[in-house]
PDB file of N, CA and C in Angstrom:
ATOM      1  N   MET A   1      10.506  -1.490 -10.809  1.00  0.00           N
ATOM      2  CA  MET A   1       9.498  -2.386 -10.300  1.00  0.00           C
ATOM      3  C   MET A   1       8.416  -2.564 -11.364  1.00  0.00           C
ATOM      4  N   GLU A   2       8.054  -3.809 -11.582  1.00  0.00           N
ATOM      5  CA  GLU A   2       6.948  -4.130 -12.472  1.00  0.00           C
ATOM      6  C   GLU A   2       5.698  -4.335 -11.626  1.00  0.00           C
ATOM      7  N   ILE A   3       4.593  -3.722 -12.050  1.00  0.00           N
ATOM      8  CA  ILE A   3       3.333  -3.829 -11.315  1.00  0.00           C
ATOM      9  C   ILE A   3       2.246  -4.282 -12.279  1.00  0.00           C
ATOM     10  N   LYS A   4       1.518  -5.313 -11.876  1.00  0.00           N
ATOM     11  CA  LYS A   4       0.424  -5.820 -12.693  1.00  0.00           C
ATOM     12  C   LYS A   4      -0.844  -5.790 -11.845  1.00  0.00           C
ATOM     13  N   ILE A   5      -1.921  -5.262 -12.408  1.00  0.00           N
ATOM     14  CA  ILE A   5      -3.196  -5.162 -11.694  1.00  0.00           C
ATOM     15  C   ILE A   5      -4.260  -5.922 -12.472  1.00  0.00           C
ATOM     16  N   GLU A   6      -5.037  -6.712 -11.740  1.00  0.00           N
ATOM     17  CA  GLU A   6      -6.124  -7.476 -12.346  1.00  0.00           C
ATOM     18  C   GLU A   6      -7.408  -7.233 -11.561  1.00  0.00           C
ATOM     19  N   HIS A   7      -8.511  -7.086 -12.301  1.00  0.00           N
ATOM     20  CA  HIS A   7      -9.831  -6.991 -11.692  1.00  0.00           C
ATOM     21  C   HIS A   7     -10.562  -8.303 -11.935  1.00  0.00           C
ATOM     22  N   GLY A   8     -11.397  -8.701 -11.000  1.00  0.00           N
ATOM     23  CA  GLY A   8     -12.178  -9.930 -11.124  1.00  0.00           C
ATOM     24  C   GLY A   8     -12.952 -10.127  -9.835  1.00  0.00           C
ATOM     25  N   GLU A   9     -12.971 -11.367  -9.346  1.00  0.00           N
ATOM     26  CA  GLU A   9     -13.612 -11.606  -8.041  1.00  0.00           C
ATOM     27  C   GLU A   9     -12.894 -10.842  -6.947  1.00  0.00           C
ATOM     28  N   ALA A  10     -11.591 -10.665  -7.145  1.00  0.00           N
ATOM     29  CA  ALA A  10     -10.770  -9.869  -6.224  1.00  0.00           C
ATOM     30  C   ALA A  10      -9.961  -8.885  -7.063  1.00  0.00           C
ATOM     31  N   PHE A  11      -9.582  -7.786  -6.441  1.00  0.00           N
ATOM     32  CA  PHE A  11      -8.655  -6.831  -7.046  1.00  0.00           C
ATOM     33  C   PHE A  11      -7.266  -7.345  -6.688  1.00  0.00           C
ATOM     34  N   LYS A  12      -6.472  -7.705  -7.682  1.00  0.00           N
ATOM     35  CA  LYS A  12      -5.185  -8.340  -7.417  1.00  0.00           C
ATOM     36  C   LYS A  12      -4.042  -7.491  -7.959  1.00  0.00           C
ATOM     37  N   VAL A  13      -3.059  -7.267  -7.082  1.00  0.00           N
ATOM     38  CA  VAL A  13      -1.866  -6.522  -7.457  1.00  0.00           C
ATOM     39  C   VAL A  13      -0.671  -7.459  -7.322  1.00  0.00           C
ATOM     40  N   SER A  14       0.058  -7.610  -8.417  1.00  0.00           N
ATOM     41  CA  SER A  14       1.296  -8.387  -8.402  1.00  0.00           C
ATOM     42  C   SER A  14       2.430  -7.428  -8.722  1.00  0.00           C
ATOM     43  N   ALA A  15       3.518  -7.560  -8.012  1.00  0.00           N
ATOM     44  CA  ALA A  15       4.665  -6.688  -8.254  1.00  0.00           C
ATOM     45  C   ALA A  15       5.937  -7.521  -8.231  1.00  0.00           C
ATOM     46  N   LYS A  16       6.948  -7.001  -8.889  1.00  0.00           N
ATOM     47  CA  LYS A  16       8.225  -7.705  -8.967  1.00  0.00           C
ATOM     48  C   LYS A  16       9.340  -6.744  -8.596  1.00  0.00           C
ATOM     49  N   GLY A  17      10.199  -7.178  -7.685  1.00  0.00           N
ATOM     50  CA  GLY A  17      11.350  -6.365  -7.292  1.00  0.00           C
ATOM     51  C   GLY A  17      11.335  -6.039  -5.820  1.00  0.00           C
ATOM     52  N   ARG A  18      11.759  -4.815  -5.519  1.00  0.00           N
ATOM     53  CA  ARG A  18      11.838  -4.337  -4.142  1.00  0.00           C
ATOM     54  C   ARG A  18      10.761  -3.285  -3.920  1.00  0.00           C
ATOM     55  N   LEU A  19      10.097  -3.374  -2.780  1.00  0.00           N
ATOM     56  CA  LEU A  19       9.118  -2.352  -2.398  1.00  0.00           C
ATOM     57  C   LEU A  19       9.804  -1.480  -1.350  1.00  0.00           C
ATOM     58  N   ASP A  20      10.472  -0.429  -1.833  1.00  0.00           N
ATOM     59  CA  ASP A  20      11.295   0.403  -0.964  1.00  0.00           C
ATOM     60  C   ASP A  20      10.962   1.884  -1.159  1.00  0.00           C
ATOM     61  N   THR A  21      11.814   2.755  -0.674  1.00  0.00           N
ATOM     62  CA  THR A  21      11.568   4.192  -0.734  1.00  0.00           C
ATOM     63  C   THR A  21      11.333   4.673  -2.159  1.00  0.00           C
ATOM     64  N   VAL A  22      12.092   4.173  -3.095  1.00  0.00           N
ATOM     65  CA  VAL A  22      11.988   4.612  -4.483  1.00  0.00           C
ATOM     66  C   VAL A  22      10.736   4.049  -5.148  1.00  0.00           C
ATOM     67  N   THR A  23      10.478   2.770  -4.977  1.00  0.00           N
ATOM     68  CA  THR A  23       9.398   2.105  -5.716  1.00  0.00           C
ATOM     69  C   THR A  23       8.040   2.181  -5.028  1.00  0.00           C
ATOM     70  N   SER A  24       8.014   2.478  -3.745  1.00  0.00           N
ATOM     71  CA  SER A  24       6.732   2.495  -3.034  1.00  0.00           C
ATOM     72  C   SER A  24       5.802   3.583  -3.555  1.00  0.00           C
ATOM     73  N   VAL A  25       6.357   4.672  -4.049  1.00  0.00           N
ATOM     74  CA  VAL A  25       5.537   5.747  -4.618  1.00  0.00           C
ATOM     75  C   VAL A  25       4.812   5.240  -5.862  1.00  0.00           C
ATOM     76  N   ASP A  26       5.531   4.554  -6.748  1.00  0.00           N
ATOM     77  CA  ASP A  26       4.913   3.995  -7.952  1.00  0.00           C
ATOM     78  C   ASP A  26       3.863   2.954  -7.604  1.00  0.00           C
ATOM     79  N   PHE A  27       4.169   2.111  -6.619  1.00  0.00           N
ATOM     80  CA  PHE A  27       3.244   1.072  -6.171  1.00  0.00           C
ATOM     81  C   PHE A  27       1.961   1.714  -5.642  1.00  0.00           C
ATOM     82  N   ASP A  28       2.120   2.697  -4.786  1.00  0.00           N
ATOM     83  CA  ASP A  28       0.977   3.401  -4.197  1.00  0.00           C
ATOM     84  C   ASP A  28       0.149   4.090  -5.284  1.00  0.00           C
ATOM     85  N   ASN A  29       0.799   4.788  -6.195  1.00  0.00           N
ATOM     86  CA  ASN A  29       0.086   5.486  -7.267  1.00  0.00           C
ATOM     87  C   ASN A  29      -0.652   4.522  -8.189  1.00  0.00           C
ATOM     88  N   ALA A  30      -0.047   3.375  -8.479  1.00  0.00           N
ATOM     89  CA  ALA A  30      -0.697   2.389  -9.348  1.00  0.00           C
ATOM     90  C   ALA A  30      -2.017   1.927  -8.747  1.00  0.00           C
ATOM     91  N   ILE A  31      -2.031   1.728  -7.430  1.00  0.00           N
ATOM     92  CA  ILE A  31      -3.255   1.290  -6.757  1.00  0.00           C
ATOM     93  C   ILE A  31      -4.259   2.440  -6.663  1.00  0.00           C
ATOM     94  N   LYS A  32      -3.786   3.616  -6.312  1.00  0.00           N
ATOM     95  CA  LYS A  32      -4.679   4.770  -6.163  1.00  0.00           C
ATOM     96  C   LYS A  32      -5.319   5.190  -7.483  1.00  0.00           C
ATOM     97  N   ASN A  33      -4.679   4.883  -8.595  1.00  0.00           N
ATOM     98  CA  ASN A  33      -5.222   5.254  -9.904  1.00  0.00           C
ATOM     99  C   ASN A  33      -6.297   4.287 -10.389  1.00  0.00           C
ATOM    100  N   GLU A  34      -6.580   3.245  -9.622  1.00  0.00           N
ATOM    101  CA  GLU A  34      -7.589   2.256  -9.984  1.00  0.00           C
ATOM    102  C   GLU A  34      -8.864   2.488  -9.186  1.00  0.00           C
ATOM    103  N   THR A  35      -9.993   2.158  -9.794  1.00  0.00           N
ATOM    104  CA  THR A  35     -11.263   2.128  -9.074  1.00  0.00           C
ATOM    105  C   THR A  35     -11.434   0.704  -8.576  1.00  0.00           C
ATOM    106  N   ILE A  36     -11.452   0.548  -7.267  1.00  0.00           N
ATOM    107  CA  ILE A  36     -11.551  -0.782  -6.666  1.00  0.00           C
ATOM    108  C   ILE A  36     -13.000  -1.030  -6.265  1.00  0.00           C
ATOM    109  N   SER A  37     -13.687  -1.814  -7.071  1.00  0.00           N
ATOM    110  CA  SER A  37     -15.081  -2.141  -6.768  1.00  0.00           C
ATOM    111  C   SER A  37     -15.186  -3.480  -6.024  1.00  0.00           C
ATOM    112  N   GLU A  38     -14.135  -4.275  -6.090  1.00  0.00           N
ATOM    113  CA  GLU A  38     -14.126  -5.582  -5.431  1.00  0.00           C
ATOM    114  C   GLU A  38     -14.030  -5.413  -3.914  1.00  0.00           C
ATOM    115  N   ASN A  39     -14.561  -6.385  -3.175  1.00  0.00           N
ATOM    116  CA  ASN A  39     -14.519  -6.344  -1.708  1.00  0.00           C
ATOM    117  C   ASN A  39     -13.230  -6.920  -1.137  1.00  0.00           C
ATOM    118  N   LEU A  40     -12.455  -7.612  -1.974  1.00  0.00           N
ATOM    119  CA  LEU A  40     -11.202  -8.222  -1.535  1.00  0.00           C
ATOM    120  C   LEU A  40     -10.067  -7.700  -2.397  1.00  0.00           C
ATOM    121  N   VAL A  41      -9.015  -7.228  -1.729  1.00  0.00           N
ATOM    122  CA  VAL A  41      -7.802  -6.783  -2.413  1.00  0.00           C
ATOM    123  C   VAL A  41      -6.685  -7.734  -2.009  1.00  0.00           C
ATOM    124  N   ILE A  42      -6.038  -8.318  -3.012  1.00  0.00           N
ATOM    125  CA  ILE A  42      -4.933  -9.252  -2.784  1.00  0.00           C
ATOM    126  C   ILE A  42      -3.657  -8.627  -3.336  1.00  0.00           C
ATOM    127  N   ILE A  43      -2.646  -8.559  -2.499  1.00  0.00           N
ATOM    128  CA  ILE A  43      -1.326  -8.133  -2.940  1.00  0.00           C
ATOM    129  C   ILE A  43      -0.467  -9.395  -2.979  1.00  0.00           C
ATOM    130  N   ASP A  44      -0.027  -9.767  -4.171  1.00  0.00           N
ATOM    131  CA  ASP A  44       0.771 -10.975  -4.351  1.00  0.00           C
ATOM    132  C   ASP A  44       2.251 -10.613  -4.264  1.00  0.00           C
ATOM    133  N   PHE A  45       2.908 -11.119  -3.220  1.00  0.00           N
ATOM    134  CA  PHE A  45       4.316 -10.824  -2.974  1.00  0.00           C
ATOM    135  C   PHE A  45       5.242 -11.915  -3.507  1.00  0.00           C
ATOM    136  N   ALA A  46       4.769 -12.779  -4.380  1.00  0.00           N
ATOM    137  CA  ALA A  46       5.586 -13.888  -4.882  1.00  0.00           C
ATOM    138  C   ALA A  46       6.912 -13.400  -5.458  1.00  0.00           C
ATOM    139  N   ASP A  47       6.915 -12.226  -6.096  1.00  0.00           N
ATOM    140  CA  ASP A  47       8.129 -11.714  -6.729  1.00  0.00           C
ATOM    141  C   ASP A  47       8.687 -10.470  -6.049  1.00  0.00           C
ATOM    142  N   ILE A  48       8.264 -10.220  -4.814  1.00  0.00           N
ATOM    143  CA  ILE A  48       8.831  -9.119  -4.022  1.00  0.00           C
ATOM    144  C   ILE A  48       9.956  -9.701  -3.169  1.00  0.00           C
ATOM    145  N   GLU A  49      11.147  -9.197  -3.370  1.00  0.00           N
ATOM    146  CA  GLU A  49      12.304  -9.742  -2.655  1.00  0.00           C
ATOM    147  C   GLU A  49      12.598  -9.020  -1.337  1.00  0.00           C
ATOM    148  N   TYR A  50      12.053  -7.786  -1.174  1.00  0.00           N
ATOM    149  CA  TYR A  50      12.356  -7.000   0.023  1.00  0.00           C
ATOM    150  C   TYR A  50      11.296  -5.918   0.170  1.00  0.00           C
ATOM    151  N   ILE A  51      10.998  -5.553   1.411  1.00  0.00           N
ATOM    152  CA  ILE A  51      10.107  -4.421   1.684  1.00  0.00           C
ATOM    153  C   ILE A  51      10.743  -3.546   2.761  1.00  0.00           C
ATOM    154  N   SER A  52      10.746  -2.241   2.526  1.00  0.00           N
ATOM    155  CA  SER A  52      11.307  -1.288   3.492  1.00  0.00           C
ATOM    156  C   SER A  52      10.176  -0.661   4.301  1.00  0.00           C
ATOM    157  N   SER A  53      10.539   0.238   5.196  1.00  0.00           N
ATOM    158  CA  SER A  53       9.530   0.927   6.002  1.00  0.00           C
ATOM    159  C   SER A  53       8.594   1.750   5.116  1.00  0.00           C
ATOM    160  N   ALA A  54       9.101   2.278   4.012  1.00  0.00           N
ATOM    161  CA  ALA A  54       8.238   3.032   3.090  1.00  0.00           C
ATOM    162  C   ALA A  54       7.182   2.118   2.481  1.00  0.00           C
ATOM    163  N   GLY A  55       7.566   0.913   2.126  1.00  0.00           N
ATOM    164  CA  GLY A  55       6.615  -0.059   1.596  1.00  0.00           C
ATOM    165  C   GLY A  55       5.605  -0.476   2.645  1.00  0.00           C
ATOM    166  N   LEU A  56       6.056  -0.631   3.883  1.00  0.00           N
ATOM    167  CA  LEU A  56       5.151  -0.987   4.977  1.00  0.00           C
ATOM    168  C   LEU A  56       4.115   0.116   5.201  1.00  0.00           C
ATOM    169  N   ARG A  57       4.553   1.363   5.099  1.00  0.00           N
ATOM    170  CA  ARG A  57       3.622   2.497   5.264  1.00  0.00           C
ATOM    171  C   ARG A  57       2.541   2.480   4.182  1.00  0.00           C
ATOM    172  N   VAL A  58       2.926   2.154   2.957  1.00  0.00           N
ATOM    173  CA  VAL A  58       1.951   2.077   1.863  1.00  0.00           C
ATOM    174  C   VAL A  58       0.919   1.001   2.158  1.00  0.00           C
ATOM    175  N   LEU A  59       1.373  -0.159   2.629  1.00  0.00           N
ATOM    176  CA  LEU A  59       0.441  -1.246   2.956  1.00  0.00           C
ATOM    177  C   LEU A  59      -0.487  -0.854   4.096  1.00  0.00           C
ATOM    178  N   LEU A  60       0.054  -0.201   5.119  1.00  0.00           N
ATOM    179  CA  LEU A  60      -0.756   0.214   6.256  1.00  0.00           C
ATOM    180  C   LEU A  60      -1.809   1.244   5.826  1.00  0.00           C
ATOM    181  N   ALA A  61      -1.426   2.202   5.011  1.00  0.00           N
ATOM    182  CA  ALA A  61      -2.376   3.209   4.523  1.00  0.00           C
ATOM    183  C   ALA A  61      -3.460   2.555   3.674  1.00  0.00           C
ATOM    184  N   LEU A  62      -3.064   1.600   2.836  1.00  0.00           N
ATOM    185  CA  LEU A  62      -4.040   0.889   2.014  1.00  0.00           C
ATOM    186  C   LEU A  62      -5.007   0.114   2.887  1.00  0.00           C
ATOM    187  N   LYS A  63      -4.486  -0.560   3.908  1.00  0.00           N
ATOM    188  CA  LYS A  63      -5.351  -1.321   4.811  1.00  0.00           C
ATOM    189  C   LYS A  63      -6.353  -0.411   5.499  1.00  0.00           C
ATOM    190  N   ARG A  64      -5.912   0.725   5.984  1.00  0.00           N
ATOM    191  CA  ARG A  64      -6.813   1.673   6.655  1.00  0.00           C
ATOM    192  C   ARG A  64      -7.904   2.164   5.712  1.00  0.00           C
ATOM    193  N   THR A  65      -7.533   2.495   4.490  1.00  0.00           N
ATOM    194  CA  THR A  65      -8.511   2.954   3.495  1.00  0.00           C
ATOM    195  C   THR A  65      -9.537   1.873   3.213  1.00  0.00           C
ATOM    196  N   LEU A  66      -9.050   0.640   3.015  1.00  0.00           N
ATOM    197  CA  LEU A  66      -9.962  -0.471   2.719  1.00  0.00           C
ATOM    198  C   LEU A  66     -10.859  -0.783   3.910  1.00  0.00           C
ATOM    199  N   ASP A  67     -10.309  -0.735   5.121  1.00  0.00           N
ATOM    200  CA  ASP A  67     -11.112  -0.963   6.321  1.00  0.00           C
ATOM    201  C   ASP A  67     -12.266   0.039   6.392  1.00  0.00           C
ATOM    202  N   GLU A  68     -11.986   1.303   6.078  1.00  0.00           N
ATOM    203  CA  GLU A  68     -13.021   2.340   6.099  1.00  0.00           C
ATOM    204  C   GLU A  68     -14.119   2.069   5.073  1.00  0.00           C
ATOM    205  N   GLN A  69     -13.764   1.373   3.999  1.00  0.00           N
ATOM    206  CA  GLN A  69     -14.722   1.056   2.937  1.00  0.00           C
ATOM    207  C   GLN A  69     -15.373  -0.308   3.140  1.00  0.00           C
ATOM    208  N   GLY A  70     -15.022  -1.000   4.232  1.00  0.00           N
ATOM    209  CA  GLY A  70     -15.574  -2.324   4.501  1.00  0.00           C
ATOM    210  C   GLY A  70     -15.006  -3.413   3.601  1.00  0.00           C
ATOM    211  N   LYS A  71     -13.799  -3.182   3.102  1.00  0.00           N
ATOM    212  CA  LYS A  71     -13.142  -4.146   2.218  1.00  0.00           C
ATOM    213  C   LYS A  71     -11.991  -4.822   2.944  1.00  0.00           C
ATOM    214  N   GLU A  72     -11.561  -5.956   2.395  1.00  0.00           N
ATOM    215  CA  GLU A  72     -10.489  -6.733   3.025  1.00  0.00           C
ATOM    216  C   GLU A  72      -9.206  -6.655   2.212  1.00  0.00           C
ATOM    217  N   LEU A  73      -8.079  -6.736   2.911  1.00  0.00           N
ATOM    218  CA  LEU A  73      -6.763  -6.775   2.293  1.00  0.00           C
ATOM    219  C   LEU A  73      -6.074  -8.065   2.722  1.00  0.00           C
ATOM    220  N   GLU A  74      -5.546  -8.800   1.751  1.00  0.00           N
ATOM    221  CA  GLU A  74      -4.753  -9.998   2.028  1.00  0.00           C
ATOM    222  C   GLU A  74      -3.418  -9.871   1.306  1.00  0.00           C
ATOM    223  N   ILE A  75      -2.372 -10.310   1.985  1.00  0.00           N
ATOM    224  CA  ILE A  75      -1.036 -10.367   1.402  1.00  0.00           C
ATOM    225  C   ILE A  75      -0.729 -11.842   1.168  1.00  0.00           C
ATOM    226  N   HIS A  76      -0.388 -12.194  -0.064  1.00  0.00           N
ATOM    227  CA  HIS A  76      -0.135 -13.594  -0.423  1.00  0.00           C
ATOM    228  C   HIS A  76       1.329 -13.809  -0.810  1.00  0.00           C
ATOM    229  N   ASN A  77       1.804 -15.017  -0.568  1.00  0.00           N
ATOM    230  CA  ASN A  77       3.087 -15.520  -1.097  1.00  0.00           C
ATOM    231  C   ASN A  77       4.317 -14.735  -0.660  1.00  0.00           C
ATOM    232  N   ILE A  78       4.416 -14.407   0.634  1.00  0.00           N
ATOM    233  CA  ILE A  78       5.612 -13.689   1.083  1.00  0.00           C
ATOM    234  C   ILE A  78       6.765 -14.678   1.262  1.00  0.00           C
ATOM    235  N   ASN A  79       7.970 -14.204   0.998  1.00  0.00           N
ATOM    236  CA  ASN A  79       9.152 -15.045   1.175  1.00  0.00           C
ATOM    237  C   ASN A  79       9.677 -14.910   2.609  1.00  0.00           C
ATOM    238  N   ALA A  80      10.729 -15.627   2.919  1.00  0.00           N
ATOM    239  CA  ALA A  80      11.267 -15.650   4.288  1.00  0.00           C
ATOM    240  C   ALA A  80      11.792 -14.278   4.724  1.00  0.00           C
ATOM    241  N   VAL A  81      12.410 -13.540   3.815  1.00  0.00           N
ATOM    242  CA  VAL A  81      12.953 -12.223   4.157  1.00  0.00           C
ATOM    243  C   VAL A  81      11.814 -11.264   4.513  1.00  0.00           C
ATOM    244  N   VAL A  82      10.777 -11.233   3.682  1.00  0.00           N
ATOM    245  CA  VAL A  82       9.636 -10.356   3.943  1.00  0.00           C
ATOM    246  C   VAL A  82       8.900 -10.800   5.203  1.00  0.00           C
ATOM    247  N   ARG A  83       8.754 -12.105   5.394  1.00  0.00           N
ATOM    248  CA  ARG A  83       8.103 -12.611   6.611  1.00  0.00           C
ATOM    249  C   ARG A  83       8.855 -12.141   7.852  1.00  0.00           C
ATOM    250  N   GLU A  84      10.170 -12.175   7.820  1.00  0.00           N
ATOM    251  CA  GLU A  84      10.978 -11.726   8.958  1.00  0.00           C
ATOM    252  C   GLU A  84      10.753 -10.233   9.215  1.00  0.00           C
ATOM    253  N   ILE A  85      10.703  -9.436   8.169  1.00  0.00           N
ATOM    254  CA  ILE A  85      10.457  -7.997   8.316  1.00  0.00           C
ATOM    255  C   ILE A  85       9.063  -7.768   8.900  1.00  0.00           C
ATOM    256  N   PHE A  86       8.059  -8.492   8.390  1.00  0.00           N
ATOM    257  CA  PHE A  86       6.705  -8.378   8.932  1.00  0.00           C
ATOM    258  C   PHE A  86       6.674  -8.797  10.403  1.00  0.00           C
ATOM    259  N   THR A  87       7.418  -9.820  10.759  1.00  0.00           N
ATOM    260  CA  THR A  87       7.432 -10.309  12.145  1.00  0.00           C
ATOM    261  C   THR A  87       8.082  -9.292  13.073  1.00  0.00           C
ATOM    262  N   VAL A  88       9.255  -8.798  12.703  1.00  0.00           N
ATOM    263  CA  VAL A  88       9.992  -7.846  13.543  1.00  0.00           C
ATOM    264  C   VAL A  88       9.205  -6.549  13.742  1.00  0.00           C
ATOM    265  N   THR A  89       8.506  -6.119  12.707  1.00  0.00           N
ATOM    266  CA  THR A  89       7.771  -4.851  12.788  1.00  0.00           C
ATOM    267  C   THR A  89       6.364  -4.999  13.363  1.00  0.00           C
ATOM    268  N   GLY A  90       5.899  -6.233  13.542  1.00  0.00           N
ATOM    269  CA  GLY A  90       4.557  -6.467  14.053  1.00  0.00           C
ATOM    270  C   GLY A  90       3.489  -6.493  12.968  1.00  0.00           C
ATOM    271  N   PHE A  91       3.882  -6.293  11.716  1.00  0.00           N
ATOM    272  CA  PHE A  91       2.924  -6.315  10.612  1.00  0.00           C
ATOM    273  C   PHE A  91       2.353  -7.708  10.394  1.00  0.00           C
ATOM    274  N   ILE A  92       3.042  -8.715  10.866  1.00  0.00           N
ATOM    275  CA  ILE A  92       2.545 -10.098  10.712  1.00  0.00           C
ATOM    276  C   ILE A  92       1.191 -10.253  11.396  1.00  0.00           C
ATOM    277  N   ASN A  93       0.956  -9.458  12.440  1.00  0.00           N
ATOM    278  CA  ASN A  93      -0.322  -9.508  13.170  1.00  0.00           C
ATOM    279  C   ASN A  93      -1.297  -8.431  12.687  1.00  0.00           C
ATOM    280  N   ALA A  94      -0.803  -7.402  12.034  1.00  0.00           N
ATOM    281  CA  ALA A  94      -1.648  -6.293  11.586  1.00  0.00           C
ATOM    282  C   ALA A  94      -2.288  -6.557  10.224  1.00  0.00           C
ATOM    283  N   LEU A  95      -1.664  -7.423   9.443  1.00  0.00           N
ATOM    284  CA  LEU A  95      -2.154  -7.722   8.099  1.00  0.00           C
ATOM    285  C   LEU A  95      -2.568  -9.178   8.003  1.00  0.00           C
ATOM    286  N   THR A  96      -3.449  -9.474   7.077  1.00  0.00           N
ATOM    287  CA  THR A  96      -3.831 -10.858   6.816  1.00  0.00           C
ATOM    288  C   THR A  96      -2.845 -11.431   5.814  1.00  0.00           C
ATOM    289  N   ILE A  97      -2.047 -12.392   6.278  1.00  0.00           N
ATOM    290  CA  ILE A  97      -1.010 -13.015   5.449  1.00  0.00           C
ATOM    291  C   ILE A  97      -1.465 -14.418   5.074  1.00  0.00           C
ATOM    292  N   LYS A  98      -1.452 -14.724   3.786  1.00  0.00           N
ATOM    293  CA  LYS A  98      -1.853 -16.061   3.326  1.00  0.00           C
ATOM    294  C   LYS A  98      -0.787 -16.641   2.435  1.00  0.00           C
TER     295      LYS A  98
END
C-alpha cells in the first residue's frame, strides 16, 4: 500500500491499494506518526479498491480520536465496492462521505 500525507488547510491522507488486515496497520501507523494540527482530516479513497473490517476499525478509531479533539473526518472519492461495504456495515451513516 502506498500512503501519501499532506498538511495544509486540511490534513489529507491518500492511499493506494487495499485497506485490509495486512495494510491497515501501516495505514494506522502512518496517521498516528503525524502531528495533526488541522481541524479537518480528509481520507481520499480514490485509489482504494477494497476495505476490510480491519480497515473499518482503523477509520472508526480515527473518527473517535478526532471527535474527542473537536476535529472532523471526511472520506472522499469512494468507489462502488467500498460504498457497498460502508452501506452494509452501517459506516455510510457513521462517517462523513463526500
